[in-house]
Amino acid sequence: MIKEAGSSIRNKTGSWRTFRPIVTDKCIGCSICIWYCPENCIRIVEKDGKKKAAVNYEHCKGCLLCKGQCPSKAIESEKETSK
């Protein structure tokens, strides 16, 4: 079966991830990370009156495309711990 981009929302893929993106307080809520996420795992949420990106780790593959495209360098990465 061939899976299209964004299919991890229907099929959890986070269990084999090596690195996870971490959204820091530098996030300005610009939504650029959403445009580049191939699995549609990022949403903008309101936190403490400010808009900020939030990652759904159950579906994130850890490709870190979001990190590379973030204009405010607000996304860092950390090595995934064993589950």
PDB file of N, CA and C in Angstrom:
ATOM      1  N   MET A   1       0.834  -1.166   0.000  1.00  0.00           N
ATOM      2  CA  MET A   1       0.000   0.000   0.000  1.00  0.00           C
ATOM      3  C   MET A   1       0.888   1.241   0.000  1.00  0.00           C
ATOM      4  N   ILE A   2       0.601   2.197  -0.867  1.00  0.00           N
ATOM      5  CA  ILE A   2       1.342   3.449  -0.950  1.00  0.00           C
ATOM      6  C   ILE A   2       0.637   4.474  -0.063  1.00  0.00           C
ATOM      7  N   LYS A   3       1.424   5.163   0.761  1.00  0.00           N
ATOM      8  CA  LYS A   3       0.867   6.174   1.655  1.00  0.00           C
ATOM      9  C   LYS A   3       1.237   7.557   1.151  1.00  0.00           C
ATOM     10  N   GLU A   4       0.278   8.453   1.125  1.00  0.00           N
ATOM     11  CA  GLU A   4       0.513   9.815   0.667  1.00  0.00           C
ATOM     12  C   GLU A   4       1.047  10.675   1.805  1.00  0.00           C
ATOM     13  N   ALA A   5       1.575  11.847   1.451  1.00  0.00           N
ATOM     14  CA  ALA A   5       2.075  12.783   2.467  1.00  0.00           C
ATOM     15  C   ALA A   5       0.962  13.109   3.442  1.00  0.00           C
ATOM     16  N   GLY A   6       1.317  13.227   4.682  1.00  0.00           N
ATOM     17  CA  GLY A   6       0.337  13.536   5.713  1.00  0.00           C
ATOM     18  C   GLY A   6      -0.411  12.328   6.235  1.00  0.00           C
ATOM     19  N   SER A   7      -0.049  11.142   5.774  1.00  0.00           N
ATOM     20  CA  SER A   7      -0.805   9.952   6.166  1.00  0.00           C
ATOM     21  C   SER A   7      -0.516   9.503   7.589  1.00  0.00           C
ATOM     22  N   SER A   8       0.503  10.058   8.239  1.00  0.00           N
ATOM     23  CA  SER A   8       0.773   9.612   9.604  1.00  0.00           C
ATOM     24  C   SER A   8      -0.290  10.110  10.577  1.00  0.00           C
ATOM     25  N   ILE A   9      -1.101  11.074  10.177  1.00  0.00           N
ATOM     26  CA  ILE A   9      -2.210  11.493  11.031  1.00  0.00           C
ATOM     27  C   ILE A   9      -3.181  10.324  11.169  1.00  0.00           C
ATOM     28  N   ARG A  10      -3.299   9.520  10.140  1.00  0.00           N
ATOM     29  CA  ARG A  10      -4.143   8.322  10.211  1.00  0.00           C
ATOM     30  C   ARG A  10      -3.353   7.109  10.697  1.00  0.00           C
ATOM     31  N   ASN A  11      -2.041   7.129  10.499  1.00  0.00           N
ATOM     32  CA  ASN A  11      -1.183   5.997  10.848  1.00  0.00           C
ATOM     33  C   ASN A  11      -0.041   6.494  11.723  1.00  0.00           C
ATOM     34  N   LYS A  12      -0.088   6.215  12.995  1.00  0.00           N
ATOM     35  CA  LYS A  12       0.949   6.711  13.909  1.00  0.00           C
ATOM     36  C   LYS A  12       2.322   6.200  13.490  1.00  0.00           C
ATOM     37  N   THR A  13       3.275   7.119  13.434  1.00  0.00           N
ATOM     38  CA  THR A  13       4.628   6.754  13.008  1.00  0.00           C
ATOM     39  C   THR A  13       5.692   7.216  13.989  1.00  0.00           C
ATOM     40  N   GLY A  14       5.327   7.804  15.087  1.00  0.00           N
ATOM     41  CA  GLY A  14       6.289   8.385  16.007  1.00  0.00           C
ATOM     42  C   GLY A  14       7.130   7.396  16.776  1.00  0.00           C
ATOM     43  N   SER A  15       6.790   6.136  16.794  1.00  0.00           N
ATOM     44  CA  SER A  15       7.508   5.175  17.637  1.00  0.00           C
ATOM     45  C   SER A  15       8.935   4.903  17.176  1.00  0.00           C
ATOM     46  N   TRP A  16       9.269   5.183  15.938  1.00  0.00           N
ATOM     47  CA  TRP A  16      10.620   4.908  15.442  1.00  0.00           C
ATOM     48  C   TRP A  16      11.434   6.178  15.235  1.00  0.00           C
ATOM     49  N   ARG A  17      10.950   7.304  15.701  1.00  0.00           N
ATOM     50  CA  ARG A  17      11.625   8.590  15.518  1.00  0.00           C
ATOM     51  C   ARG A  17      12.967   8.600  16.267  1.00  0.00           C
ATOM     52  N   THR A  18      13.996   9.214  15.684  1.00  0.00           N
ATOM     53  CA  THR A  18      15.312   9.332  16.306  1.00  0.00           C
ATOM     54  C   THR A  18      15.465  10.672  17.026  1.00  0.00           C
ATOM     55  N   PHE A  19      14.989  11.741  16.398  1.00  0.00           N
ATOM     56  CA  PHE A  19      15.030  13.078  16.990  1.00  0.00           C
ATOM     57  C   PHE A  19      13.629  13.671  16.999  1.00  0.00           C
ATOM     58  N   ARG A  20      13.372  14.518  17.977  1.00  0.00           N
ATOM     59  CA  ARG A  20      12.070  15.186  18.038  1.00  0.00           C
ATOM     60  C   ARG A  20      12.277  16.691  18.015  1.00  0.00           C
ATOM     61  N   PRO A  21      11.390  17.428  17.316  1.00  0.00           N
ATOM     62  CA  PRO A  21      11.475  18.882  17.328  1.00  0.00           C
ATOM     63  C   PRO A  21      10.908  19.438  18.633  1.00  0.00           C
ATOM     64  N   ILE A  22      11.569  20.446  19.170  1.00  0.00           N
ATOM     65  CA  ILE A  22      11.135  21.112  20.394  1.00  0.00           C
ATOM     66  C   ILE A  22      10.904  22.589  20.059  1.00  0.00           C
ATOM     67  N   VAL A  23       9.681  23.054  20.241  1.00  0.00           N
ATOM     68  CA  VAL A  23       9.350  24.451  19.972  1.00  0.00           C
ATOM     69  C   VAL A  23       9.684  25.266  21.219  1.00  0.00           C
ATOM     70  N   THR A  24      10.543  26.269  21.050  1.00  0.00           N
ATOM     71  CA  THR A  24      10.980  27.096  22.177  1.00  0.00           C
ATOM     72  C   THR A  24      10.130  28.367  22.290  1.00  0.00           C
ATOM     73  N   ASP A  25      10.427  29.165  23.298  1.00  0.00           N
ATOM     74  CA  ASP A  25       9.703  30.414  23.514  1.00  0.00           C
ATOM     75  C   ASP A  25       9.994  31.463  22.446  1.00  0.00           C
ATOM     76  N   LYS A  26      10.956  31.217  21.581  1.00  0.00           N
ATOM     77  CA  LYS A  26      11.247  32.149  20.488  1.00  0.00           C
ATOM     78  C   LYS A  26      10.197  32.101  19.390  1.00  0.00           C
ATOM     79  N   CYS A  27       9.303  31.116  19.446  1.00  0.00           N
ATOM     80  CA  CYS A  27       8.277  30.940  18.408  1.00  0.00           C
ATOM     81  C   CYS A  27       7.392  32.181  18.322  1.00  0.00           C
ATOM     82  N   ILE A  28       7.190  32.667  17.096  1.00  0.00           N
ATOM     83  CA  ILE A  28       6.358  33.844  16.866  1.00  0.00           C
ATOM     84  C   ILE A  28       5.006  33.476  16.263  1.00  0.00           C
ATOM     85  N   GLY A  29       4.745  32.179  16.090  1.00  0.00           N
ATOM     86  CA  GLY A  29       3.455  31.735  15.565  1.00  0.00           C
ATOM     87  C   GLY A  29       3.232  32.076  14.104  1.00  0.00           C
ATOM     88  N   CYS A  30       4.281  32.106  13.312  1.00  0.00           N
ATOM     89  CA  CYS A  30       4.180  32.521  11.903  1.00  0.00           C
ATOM     90  C   CYS A  30       3.575  31.454  10.986  1.00  0.00           C
ATOM     91  N   SER A  31       3.535  30.212  11.413  1.00  0.00           N
ATOM     92  CA  SER A  31       2.934  29.085  10.675  1.00  0.00           C
ATOM     93  C   SER A  31       3.797  28.514   9.553  1.00  0.00           C
ATOM     94  N   ILE A  32       4.992  29.008   9.356  1.00  0.00           N
ATOM     95  CA  ILE A  32       5.835  28.486   8.273  1.00  0.00           C
ATOM     96  C   ILE A  32       6.146  27.008   8.492  1.00  0.00           C
ATOM     97  N   CYS A  33       6.347  26.604   9.741  1.00  0.00           N
ATOM     98  CA  CYS A  33       6.634  25.197  10.030  1.00  0.00           C
ATOM     99  C   CYS A  33       5.491  24.290   9.556  1.00  0.00           C
ATOM    100  N   ILE A  34       4.272  24.780   9.657  1.00  0.00           N
ATOM    101  CA  ILE A  34       3.113  24.000   9.214  1.00  0.00           C
ATOM    102  C   ILE A  34       3.193  23.731   7.725  1.00  0.00           C
ATOM    103  N   TRP A  35       3.591  24.723   6.948  1.00  0.00           N
ATOM    104  CA  TRP A  35       3.673  24.574   5.492  1.00  0.00           C
ATOM    105  C   TRP A  35       4.662  23.497   5.081  1.00  0.00           C
ATOM    106  N   TYR A  36       5.738  23.326   5.858  1.00  0.00           N
ATOM    107  CA  TYR A  36       6.793  22.392   5.491  1.00  0.00           C
ATOM    108  C   TYR A  36       6.658  21.006   6.118  1.00  0.00           C
ATOM    109  N   CYS A  37       5.813  20.846   7.104  1.00  0.00           N
ATOM    110  CA  CYS A  37       5.665  19.539   7.751  1.00  0.00           C
ATOM    111  C   CYS A  37       4.988  18.559   6.795  1.00  0.00           C
ATOM    112  N   PRO A  38       5.694  17.503   6.367  1.00  0.00           N
ATOM    113  CA  PRO A  38       5.105  16.561   5.412  1.00  0.00           C
ATOM    114  C   PRO A  38       4.015  15.683   6.016  1.00  0.00           C
ATOM    115  N   GLU A  39       3.920  15.647   7.325  1.00  0.00           N
ATOM    116  CA  GLU A  39       2.937  14.792   7.978  1.00  0.00           C
ATOM    117  C   GLU A  39       1.798  15.563   8.649  1.00  0.00           C
ATOM    118  N   ASN A  40       1.796  16.889   8.487  1.00  0.00           N
ATOM    119  CA  ASN A  40       0.712  17.709   9.019  1.00  0.00           C
ATOM    120  C   ASN A  40       0.566  17.528  10.533  1.00  0.00           C
ATOM    121  N   CYS A  41       1.701  17.513  11.239  1.00  0.00           N
ATOM    122  CA  CYS A  41       1.731  17.248  12.684  1.00  0.00           C
ATOM    123  C   CYS A  41       1.822  18.506  13.534  1.00  0.00           C
ATOM    124  N   ILE A  42       1.859  19.675  12.917  1.00  0.00           N
ATOM    125  CA  ILE A  42       2.052  20.909  13.672  1.00  0.00           C
ATOM    126  C   ILE A  42       0.804  21.777  13.556  1.00  0.00           C
ATOM    127  N   ARG A  43       0.435  22.354  14.664  1.00  0.00           N
ATOM    128  CA  ARG A  43      -0.700  23.274  14.735  1.00  0.00           C
ATOM    129  C   ARG A  43      -0.239  24.533  15.471  1.00  0.00           C
ATOM    130  N   ILE A  44      -0.925  25.634  15.227  1.00  0.00           N
ATOM    131  CA  ILE A  44      -0.684  26.851  15.992  1.00  0.00           C
ATOM    132  C   ILE A  44      -1.743  26.897  17.085  1.00  0.00           C
ATOM    133  N   VAL A  45      -1.277  27.047  18.309  1.00  0.00           N
ATOM    134  CA  VAL A  45      -2.185  27.113  19.462  1.00  0.00           C
ATOM    135  C   VAL A  45      -1.920  28.415  20.222  1.00  0.00           C
ATOM    136  N   GLU A  46      -2.884  28.816  21.014  1.00  0.00           N
ATOM    137  CA  GLU A  46      -2.679  29.994  21.843  1.00  0.00           C
ATOM    138  C   GLU A  46      -2.230  29.544  23.224  1.00  0.00           C
ATOM    139  N   LYS A  47      -1.112  30.095  23.662  1.00  0.00           N
ATOM    140  CA  LYS A  47      -0.554  29.746  24.961  1.00  0.00           C
ATOM    141  C   LYS A  47      -0.126  31.028  25.658  1.00  0.00           C
ATOM    142  N   ASP A  48      -0.670  31.287  26.823  1.00  0.00           N
ATOM    143  CA  ASP A  48      -0.375  32.505  27.577  1.00  0.00           C
ATOM    144  C   ASP A  48      -0.642  33.760  26.750  1.00  0.00           C
ATOM    145  N   GLY A  49      -1.696  33.727  25.951  1.00  0.00           N
ATOM    146  CA  GLY A  49      -2.075  34.885  25.148  1.00  0.00           C
ATOM    147  C   GLY A  49      -1.266  35.080  23.883  1.00  0.00           C
ATOM    148  N   LYS A  50      -0.356  34.154  23.588  1.00  0.00           N
ATOM    149  CA  LYS A  50       0.477  34.246  22.386  1.00  0.00           C
ATOM    150  C   LYS A  50       0.277  33.009  21.528  1.00  0.00           C
ATOM    151  N   LYS A  51       0.378  33.184  20.220  1.00  0.00           N
ATOM    152  CA  LYS A  51       0.285  32.047  19.313  1.00  0.00           C
ATOM    153  C   LYS A  51       1.640  31.365  19.228  1.00  0.00           C
ATOM    154  N   LYS A  52       1.605  30.028  19.228  1.00  0.00           N
ATOM    155  CA  LYS A  52       2.843  29.247  19.238  1.00  0.00           C
ATOM    156  C   LYS A  52       2.593  27.915  18.555  1.00  0.00           C
ATOM    157  N   ALA A  53       3.596  27.398  17.889  1.00  0.00           N
ATOM    158  CA  ALA A  53       3.492  26.092  17.240  1.00  0.00           C
ATOM    159  C   ALA A  53       3.480  24.986  18.294  1.00  0.00           C
ATOM    160  N   ALA A  54       2.724  23.944  18.014  1.00  0.00           N
ATOM    161  CA  ALA A  54       2.671  22.763  18.883  1.00  0.00           C
ATOM    162  C   ALA A  54       2.776  21.529  18.001  1.00  0.00           C
ATOM    163  N   VAL A  55       3.616  20.591  18.395  1.00  0.00           N
ATOM    164  CA  VAL A  55       3.868  19.381  17.613  1.00  0.00           C
ATOM    165  C   VAL A  55       3.097  18.208  18.211  1.00  0.00           C
ATOM    166  N   ASN A  56       2.435  17.449  17.364  1.00  0.00           N
ATOM    167  CA  ASN A  56       1.773  16.218  17.784  1.00  0.00           C
ATOM    168  C   ASN A  56       2.814  15.103  17.673  1.00  0.00           C
ATOM    169  N   TYR A  57       3.388  14.708  18.795  1.00  0.00           N
ATOM    170  CA  TYR A  57       4.478  13.731  18.785  1.00  0.00           C
ATOM    171  C   TYR A  57       4.023  12.313  18.488  1.00  0.00           C
ATOM    172  N   GLU A  58       2.758  12.025  18.579  1.00  0.00           N
ATOM    173  CA  GLU A  58       2.287  10.676  18.235  1.00  0.00           C
ATOM    174  C   GLU A  58       2.415  10.416  16.736  1.00  0.00           C
ATOM    175  N   HIS A  59       2.479  11.490  15.947  1.00  0.00           N
ATOM    176  CA  HIS A  59       2.516  11.337  14.501  1.00  0.00           C
ATOM    177  C   HIS A  59       3.773  11.915  13.847  1.00  0.00           C
ATOM    178  N   CYS A  60       4.578  12.639  14.596  1.00  0.00           N
ATOM    179  CA  CYS A  60       5.787  13.264  14.059  1.00  0.00           C
ATOM    180  C   CYS A  60       6.836  12.203  13.734  1.00  0.00           C
ATOM    181  N   LYS A  61       7.404  12.275  12.508  1.00  0.00           N
ATOM    182  CA  LYS A  61       8.455  11.342  12.100  1.00  0.00           C
ATOM    183  C   LYS A  61       9.837  11.787  12.551  1.00  0.00           C
ATOM    184  N   GLY A  62       9.968  13.044  12.929  1.00  0.00           N
ATOM    185  CA  GLY A  62      11.269  13.552  13.341  1.00  0.00           C
ATOM    186  C   GLY A  62      12.146  13.965  12.180  1.00  0.00           C
ATOM    187  N   CYS A  63      11.553  14.347  11.061  1.00  0.00           N
ATOM    188  CA  CYS A  63      12.345  14.735   9.888  1.00  0.00           C
ATOM    189  C   CYS A  63      13.038  16.085  10.074  1.00  0.00           C
ATOM    190  N   LEU A  64      12.500  16.910  10.973  1.00  0.00           N
ATOM    191  CA  LEU A  64      13.047  18.222  11.322  1.00  0.00           C
ATOM    192  C   LEU A  64      13.045  19.235  10.179  1.00  0.00           C
ATOM    193  N   LEU A  65      12.199  19.021   9.173  1.00  0.00           N
ATOM    194  CA  LEU A  65      12.050  20.031   8.129  1.00  0.00           C
ATOM    195  C   LEU A  65      11.559  21.345   8.738  1.00  0.00           C
ATOM    196  N   CYS A  66      10.727  21.249   9.747  1.00  0.00           N
ATOM    197  CA  CYS A  66      10.211  22.443  10.433  1.00  0.00           C
ATOM    198  C   CYS A  66      11.361  23.259  11.019  1.00  0.00           C
ATOM    199  N   LYS A  67      12.309  22.594  11.613  1.00  0.00           N
ATOM    200  CA  LYS A  67      13.460  23.265  12.228  1.00  0.00           C
ATOM    201  C   LYS A  67      14.258  24.041  11.188  1.00  0.00           C
ATOM    202  N   GLY A  68      14.490  23.433  10.061  1.00  0.00           N
ATOM    203  CA  GLY A  68      15.273  24.068   9.004  1.00  0.00           C
ATOM    204  C   GLY A  68      14.603  25.268   8.372  1.00  0.00           C
ATOM    205  N   GLN A  69      13.283  25.336   8.437  1.00  0.00           N
ATOM    206  CA  GLN A  69      12.557  26.422   7.795  1.00  0.00           C
ATOM    207  C   GLN A  69      12.141  27.539   8.744  1.00  0.00           C
ATOM    208  N   CYS A  70      12.297  27.348  10.029  1.00  0.00           N
ATOM    209  CA  CYS A  70      11.832  28.327  11.021  1.00  0.00           C
ATOM    210  C   CYS A  70      12.645  29.619  10.925  1.00  0.00           C
ATOM    211  N   PRO A  71      11.998  30.756  10.586  1.00  0.00           N
ATOM    212  CA  PRO A  71      12.746  32.011  10.427  1.00  0.00           C
ATOM    213  C   PRO A  71      13.241  32.585  11.759  1.00  0.00           C
ATOM    214  N   SER A  72      12.609  32.225  12.862  1.00  0.00           N
ATOM    215  CA  SER A  72      13.042  32.757  14.159  1.00  0.00           C
ATOM    216  C   SER A  72      13.918  31.770  14.930  1.00  0.00           C
ATOM    217  N   LYS A  73      14.286  30.668  14.275  1.00  0.00           N
ATOM    218  CA  LYS A  73      15.141  29.641  14.897  1.00  0.00           C
ATOM    219  C   LYS A  73      14.565  29.180  16.241  1.00  0.00           C
ATOM    220  N   ALA A  74      13.240  29.019  16.261  1.00  0.00           N
ATOM    221  CA  ALA A  74      12.531  28.672  17.490  1.00  0.00           C
ATOM    222  C   ALA A  74      12.371  27.174  17.685  1.00  0.00           C
ATOM    223  N   ILE A  75      12.806  26.378  16.715  1.00  0.00           N
ATOM    224  CA  ILE A  75      12.659  24.929  16.844  1.00  0.00           C
ATOM    225  C   ILE A  75      14.028  24.301  17.016  1.00  0.00           C
ATOM    226  N   GLU A  76      14.181  23.618  18.121  1.00  0.00           N
ATOM    227  CA  GLU A  76      15.417  22.880  18.407  1.00  0.00           C
ATOM    228  C   GLU A  76      15.095  21.397  18.297  1.00  0.00           C
ATOM    229  N   SER A  77      16.097  20.569  18.456  1.00  0.00           N
ATOM    230  CA  SER A  77      15.848  19.122  18.409  1.00  0.00           C
ATOM    231  C   SER A  77      16.529  18.446  19.583  1.00  0.00           C
ATOM    232  N   GLU A  78      15.960  17.329  19.980  1.00  0.00           N
ATOM    233  CA  GLU A  78      16.578  16.531  21.021  1.00  0.00           C
ATOM    234  C   GLU A  78      16.473  15.068  20.622  1.00  0.00           C
ATOM    235  N   LYS A  79      17.433  14.294  21.066  1.00  0.00           N
ATOM    236  CA  LYS A  79      17.435  12.866  20.758  1.00  0.00           C
ATOM    237  C   LYS A  79      16.262  12.214  21.478  1.00  0.00           C
ATOM    238  N   GLU A  80      15.582  11.356  20.759  1.00  0.00           N
ATOM    239  CA  GLU A  80      14.427  10.652  21.311  1.00  0.00           C
ATOM    240  C   GLU A  80      14.902   9.662  22.365  1.00  0.00           C
ATOM    241  N   THR A  81      14.209   9.614  23.469  1.00  0.00           N
ATOM    242  CA  THR A  81      14.528   8.644  24.498  1.00  0.00           C
ATOM    243  C   THR A  81      13.748   7.359  24.210  1.00  0.00           C
ATOM    244  N   SER A  82      14.235   6.246  24.677  1.00  0.00           N
ATOM    245  CA  SER A  82      13.537   4.975  24.431  1.00  0.00           C
ATOM    246  C   SER A  82      12.206   4.985  25.156  1.00  0.00           C
ATOM    247  N   LYS A  83      11.233   4.348  24.539  1.00  0.00           N
ATOM    248  CA  LYS A  83       9.869   4.370  25.064  1.00  0.00           C
ATOM    249  C   LYS A  83       9.535   3.115  25.803  1.00  0.00           C
TER     250      LYS A  83
END
